[in-house]
Amino acid sequence: MILEIILGITTITFGYTSFNLFKKVERLEDWVEEYSQRVIDANTTLQELDSGGKFESDDEIGVVFDGIKRTINDLTNINNKDI
């Protein structure tokens, strides 16, 4: 009798924790997919903005632009490795 109660409580506890962790993982996966899409969109926008190479050629703006471009490319490469 006591063993059945302990097993029942353990089963309910494991069931609840498994369900809770499943919900958290699903939420995290959705966030990662949304973030990956934002990085892809930012990369596309950045390429459209500098289609003529005007930002890269300017000294002051070019340094900041190159930094942003490198960061987005790094995030894009990380995203492509996961796929």
N, C-alpha and C. Protein backbone atom coordinates (compact mmCIF):
# COMPACT_ATOMS: atom_id res chain seq x y z
N MET A 1 0.82 -1.19 0.00
CA MET A 1 0.00 0.00 0.00
C MET A 1 0.88 1.26 0.00
N ILE A 2 1.87 1.29 0.89
CA ILE A 2 2.73 2.46 0.98
C ILE A 2 3.58 2.58 -0.28
N LEU A 3 4.02 1.43 -0.79
CA LEU A 3 4.82 1.43 -2.01
C LEU A 3 4.01 1.98 -3.19
N GLU A 4 2.74 1.63 -3.28
CA GLU A 4 1.89 2.13 -4.36
C GLU A 4 1.68 3.63 -4.26
N ILE A 5 1.56 4.15 -3.06
CA ILE A 5 1.39 5.60 -2.86
C ILE A 5 2.67 6.32 -3.28
N ILE A 6 3.81 5.78 -2.86
CA ILE A 6 5.09 6.40 -3.21
C ILE A 6 5.29 6.37 -4.73
N LEU A 7 4.99 5.24 -5.37
CA LEU A 7 5.12 5.15 -6.82
C LEU A 7 4.15 6.09 -7.53
N GLY A 8 2.96 6.24 -7.00
CA GLY A 8 1.98 7.17 -7.59
C GLY A 8 2.44 8.61 -7.51
N ILE A 9 2.94 9.00 -6.35
CA ILE A 9 3.45 10.37 -6.17
C ILE A 9 4.66 10.61 -7.07
N THR A 10 5.53 9.61 -7.16
CA THR A 10 6.71 9.73 -8.02
C THR A 10 6.31 9.86 -9.48
N THR A 11 5.34 9.07 -9.91
CA THR A 11 4.87 9.13 -11.29
C THR A 11 4.26 10.49 -11.61
N ILE A 12 3.45 11.02 -10.72
CA ILE A 12 2.84 12.34 -10.92
C ILE A 12 3.92 13.42 -10.96
N THR A 13 4.90 13.33 -10.07
CA THR A 13 5.98 14.32 -10.05
C THR A 13 6.79 14.27 -11.34
N PHE A 14 7.18 13.09 -11.78
CA PHE A 14 7.93 12.96 -13.03
C PHE A 14 7.11 13.42 -14.23
N GLY A 15 5.84 13.11 -14.22
CA GLY A 15 4.97 13.55 -15.32
C GLY A 15 4.89 15.06 -15.40
N TYR A 16 4.71 15.70 -14.26
CA TYR A 16 4.63 17.17 -14.23
C TYR A 16 5.94 17.80 -14.66
N THR A 17 7.06 17.31 -14.15
CA THR A 17 8.34 17.91 -14.51
C THR A 17 8.66 17.68 -15.99
N SER A 18 8.32 16.52 -16.51
CA SER A 18 8.55 16.26 -17.94
C SER A 18 7.72 17.20 -18.81
N PHE A 19 6.47 17.38 -18.46
CA PHE A 19 5.59 18.28 -19.20
C PHE A 19 6.09 19.72 -19.13
N ASN A 20 6.51 20.14 -17.95
CA ASN A 20 7.02 21.50 -17.75
C ASN A 20 8.28 21.72 -18.58
N LEU A 21 9.21 20.78 -18.56
CA LEU A 21 10.43 20.90 -19.35
C LEU A 21 10.13 20.88 -20.85
N PHE A 22 9.17 20.10 -21.26
CA PHE A 22 8.78 20.05 -22.66
C PHE A 22 8.26 21.40 -23.13
N LYS A 23 7.43 22.05 -22.32
CA LYS A 23 6.92 23.37 -22.68
C LYS A 23 8.05 24.38 -22.79
N LYS A 24 9.02 24.32 -21.88
CA LYS A 24 10.15 25.26 -21.91
C LYS A 24 11.02 25.04 -23.14
N VAL A 25 11.25 23.80 -23.51
CA VAL A 25 12.05 23.49 -24.69
C VAL A 25 11.33 23.98 -25.95
N GLU A 26 10.04 23.77 -26.03
CA GLU A 26 9.27 24.24 -27.18
C GLU A 26 9.35 25.76 -27.30
N ARG A 27 9.23 26.46 -26.18
CA ARG A 27 9.31 27.92 -26.19
C ARG A 27 10.70 28.38 -26.62
N LEU A 28 11.73 27.71 -26.15
CA LEU A 28 13.10 28.05 -26.53
C LEU A 28 13.35 27.79 -28.01
N GLU A 29 12.84 26.69 -28.54
CA GLU A 29 12.99 26.40 -29.96
C GLU A 29 12.31 27.47 -30.81
N ASP A 30 11.13 27.91 -30.40
CA ASP A 30 10.45 28.97 -31.14
C ASP A 30 11.27 30.26 -31.12
N TRP A 31 11.85 30.58 -29.97
CA TRP A 31 12.66 31.79 -29.85
C TRP A 31 13.89 31.70 -30.75
N VAL A 32 14.54 30.56 -30.79
CA VAL A 32 15.73 30.38 -31.62
C VAL A 32 15.38 30.52 -33.10
N GLU A 33 14.27 29.93 -33.52
CA GLU A 33 13.85 30.05 -34.91
C GLU A 33 13.54 31.50 -35.27
N GLU A 34 12.88 32.21 -34.38
CA GLU A 34 12.56 33.62 -34.63
C GLU A 34 13.84 34.46 -34.68
N TYR A 35 14.76 34.20 -33.77
CA TYR A 35 16.02 34.94 -33.75
C TYR A 35 16.84 34.66 -35.01
N SER A 36 16.87 33.41 -35.44
CA SER A 36 17.58 33.06 -36.66
C SER A 36 17.00 33.79 -37.86
N GLN A 37 15.68 33.87 -37.91
CA GLN A 37 15.04 34.57 -39.02
C GLN A 37 15.36 36.06 -38.99
N ARG A 38 15.44 36.65 -37.80
CA ARG A 38 15.82 38.06 -37.68
C ARG A 38 17.24 38.30 -38.17
N VAL A 39 18.14 37.38 -37.86
CA VAL A 39 19.53 37.52 -38.33
C VAL A 39 19.58 37.43 -39.86
N ILE A 40 18.83 36.52 -40.44
CA ILE A 40 18.79 36.38 -41.89
C ILE A 40 18.22 37.65 -42.53
N ASP A 41 17.15 38.18 -41.93
CA ASP A 41 16.55 39.41 -42.45
C ASP A 41 17.51 40.60 -42.34
N ALA A 42 18.23 40.68 -41.22
CA ALA A 42 19.20 41.76 -41.04
C ALA A 42 20.32 41.66 -42.06
N ASN A 43 20.78 40.46 -42.33
CA ASN A 43 21.83 40.25 -43.33
C ASN A 43 21.34 40.66 -44.72
N THR A 44 20.13 40.30 -45.06
CA THR A 44 19.56 40.68 -46.35
C THR A 44 19.43 42.19 -46.47
N THR A 45 18.94 42.83 -45.41
CA THR A 45 18.79 44.28 -45.41
C THR A 45 20.14 44.96 -45.52
N LEU A 46 21.13 44.45 -44.82
CA LEU A 46 22.47 45.02 -44.88
C LEU A 46 23.06 44.90 -46.28
N GLN A 47 22.85 43.79 -46.93
CA GLN A 47 23.34 43.62 -48.30
C GLN A 47 22.62 44.55 -49.27
N GLU A 48 21.32 44.77 -49.05
CA GLU A 48 20.58 45.69 -49.91
C GLU A 48 21.04 47.13 -49.71
N LEU A 49 21.31 47.50 -48.46
CA LEU A 49 21.75 48.87 -48.19
C LEU A 49 23.10 49.17 -48.81
N ASP A 50 23.97 48.21 -48.84
CA ASP A 50 25.31 48.44 -49.35
C ASP A 50 25.52 47.79 -50.72
N SER A 51 24.48 47.74 -51.50
CA SER A 51 24.62 47.12 -52.82
C SER A 51 25.60 47.88 -53.70
N GLY A 52 25.76 49.19 -53.48
CA GLY A 52 26.70 49.97 -54.26
C GLY A 52 28.05 50.10 -53.62
N GLY A 53 28.24 49.63 -52.42
CA GLY A 53 29.51 49.71 -51.72
C GLY A 53 29.81 51.09 -51.16
N LYS A 54 28.78 51.92 -50.99
CA LYS A 54 28.98 53.29 -50.53
C LYS A 54 29.36 53.35 -49.05
N PHE A 55 28.79 52.48 -48.25
CA PHE A 55 29.09 52.52 -46.82
C PHE A 55 30.50 52.01 -46.53
N GLU A 56 30.91 50.98 -47.22
CA GLU A 56 32.23 50.41 -46.97
C GLU A 56 33.36 51.35 -47.38
N SER A 57 33.12 52.19 -48.38
CA SER A 57 34.18 53.05 -48.86
C SER A 57 34.40 54.27 -47.97
N ASP A 58 33.40 54.67 -47.18
CA ASP A 58 33.55 55.83 -46.29
C ASP A 58 34.38 55.42 -45.07
N ASP A 59 35.32 56.28 -44.67
CA ASP A 59 36.23 55.93 -43.57
C ASP A 59 35.51 55.77 -42.24
N GLU A 60 34.76 56.78 -41.82
CA GLU A 60 34.13 56.74 -40.50
C GLU A 60 32.98 55.75 -40.45
N ILE A 61 32.14 55.79 -41.44
CA ILE A 61 31.00 54.87 -41.47
C ILE A 61 31.45 53.45 -41.80
N GLY A 62 32.50 53.34 -42.61
CA GLY A 62 32.97 52.03 -43.04
C GLY A 62 33.43 51.14 -41.91
N VAL A 63 34.05 51.73 -40.88
CA VAL A 63 34.53 50.94 -39.74
C VAL A 63 33.34 50.34 -38.99
N VAL A 64 32.34 51.16 -38.72
CA VAL A 64 31.15 50.68 -38.01
C VAL A 64 30.40 49.67 -38.89
N PHE A 65 30.28 49.99 -40.16
CA PHE A 65 29.58 49.10 -41.08
C PHE A 65 30.25 47.74 -41.16
N ASP A 66 31.58 47.75 -41.23
CA ASP A 66 32.31 46.47 -41.27
C ASP A 66 32.10 45.66 -39.99
N GLY A 67 32.06 46.34 -38.85
CA GLY A 67 31.81 45.64 -37.59
C GLY A 67 30.44 45.00 -37.55
N ILE A 68 29.44 45.75 -38.00
CA ILE A 68 28.07 45.21 -38.05
C ILE A 68 28.00 44.04 -39.03
N LYS A 69 28.65 44.23 -40.16
CA LYS A 69 28.63 43.18 -41.19
C LYS A 69 29.31 41.90 -40.69
N ARG A 70 30.45 42.03 -40.02
CA ARG A 70 31.14 40.85 -39.47
C ARG A 70 30.28 40.13 -38.43
N THR A 71 29.64 40.92 -37.58
CA THR A 71 28.80 40.32 -36.54
C THR A 71 27.64 39.56 -37.15
N ILE A 72 26.97 40.15 -38.12
CA ILE A 72 25.85 39.47 -38.77
C ILE A 72 26.33 38.24 -39.53
N ASN A 73 27.47 38.33 -40.17
CA ASN A 73 28.00 37.15 -40.87
C ASN A 73 28.36 36.03 -39.90
N ASP A 74 28.91 36.39 -38.73
CA ASP A 74 29.21 35.37 -37.72
C ASP A 74 27.93 34.69 -37.24
N LEU A 75 26.90 35.48 -36.99
CA LEU A 75 25.63 34.91 -36.54
C LEU A 75 25.00 34.06 -37.64
N THR A 76 25.14 34.48 -38.88
CA THR A 76 24.62 33.69 -40.00
C THR A 76 25.36 32.37 -40.12
N ASN A 77 26.68 32.40 -39.93
CA ASN A 77 27.47 31.15 -40.00
C ASN A 77 27.09 30.21 -38.88
N ILE A 78 26.86 30.73 -37.69
CA ILE A 78 26.41 29.89 -36.58
C ILE A 78 25.07 29.27 -36.89
N ASN A 79 24.19 30.07 -37.46
CA ASN A 79 22.86 29.59 -37.82
C ASN A 79 22.94 28.49 -38.88
N ASN A 80 23.82 28.65 -39.86
CA ASN A 80 23.96 27.65 -40.93
C ASN A 80 24.57 26.35 -40.41
N LYS A 81 25.42 26.41 -39.41
CA LYS A 81 26.01 25.19 -38.85
C LYS A 81 24.97 24.34 -38.15
N ASP A 82 23.98 25.00 -37.53
CA ASP A 82 22.95 24.27 -36.79
C ASP A 82 21.98 23.57 -37.71
N ILE A 83 21.86 24.04 -38.93
CA ILE A 83 20.89 23.44 -39.87
C ILE A 83 21.50 22.26 -40.49
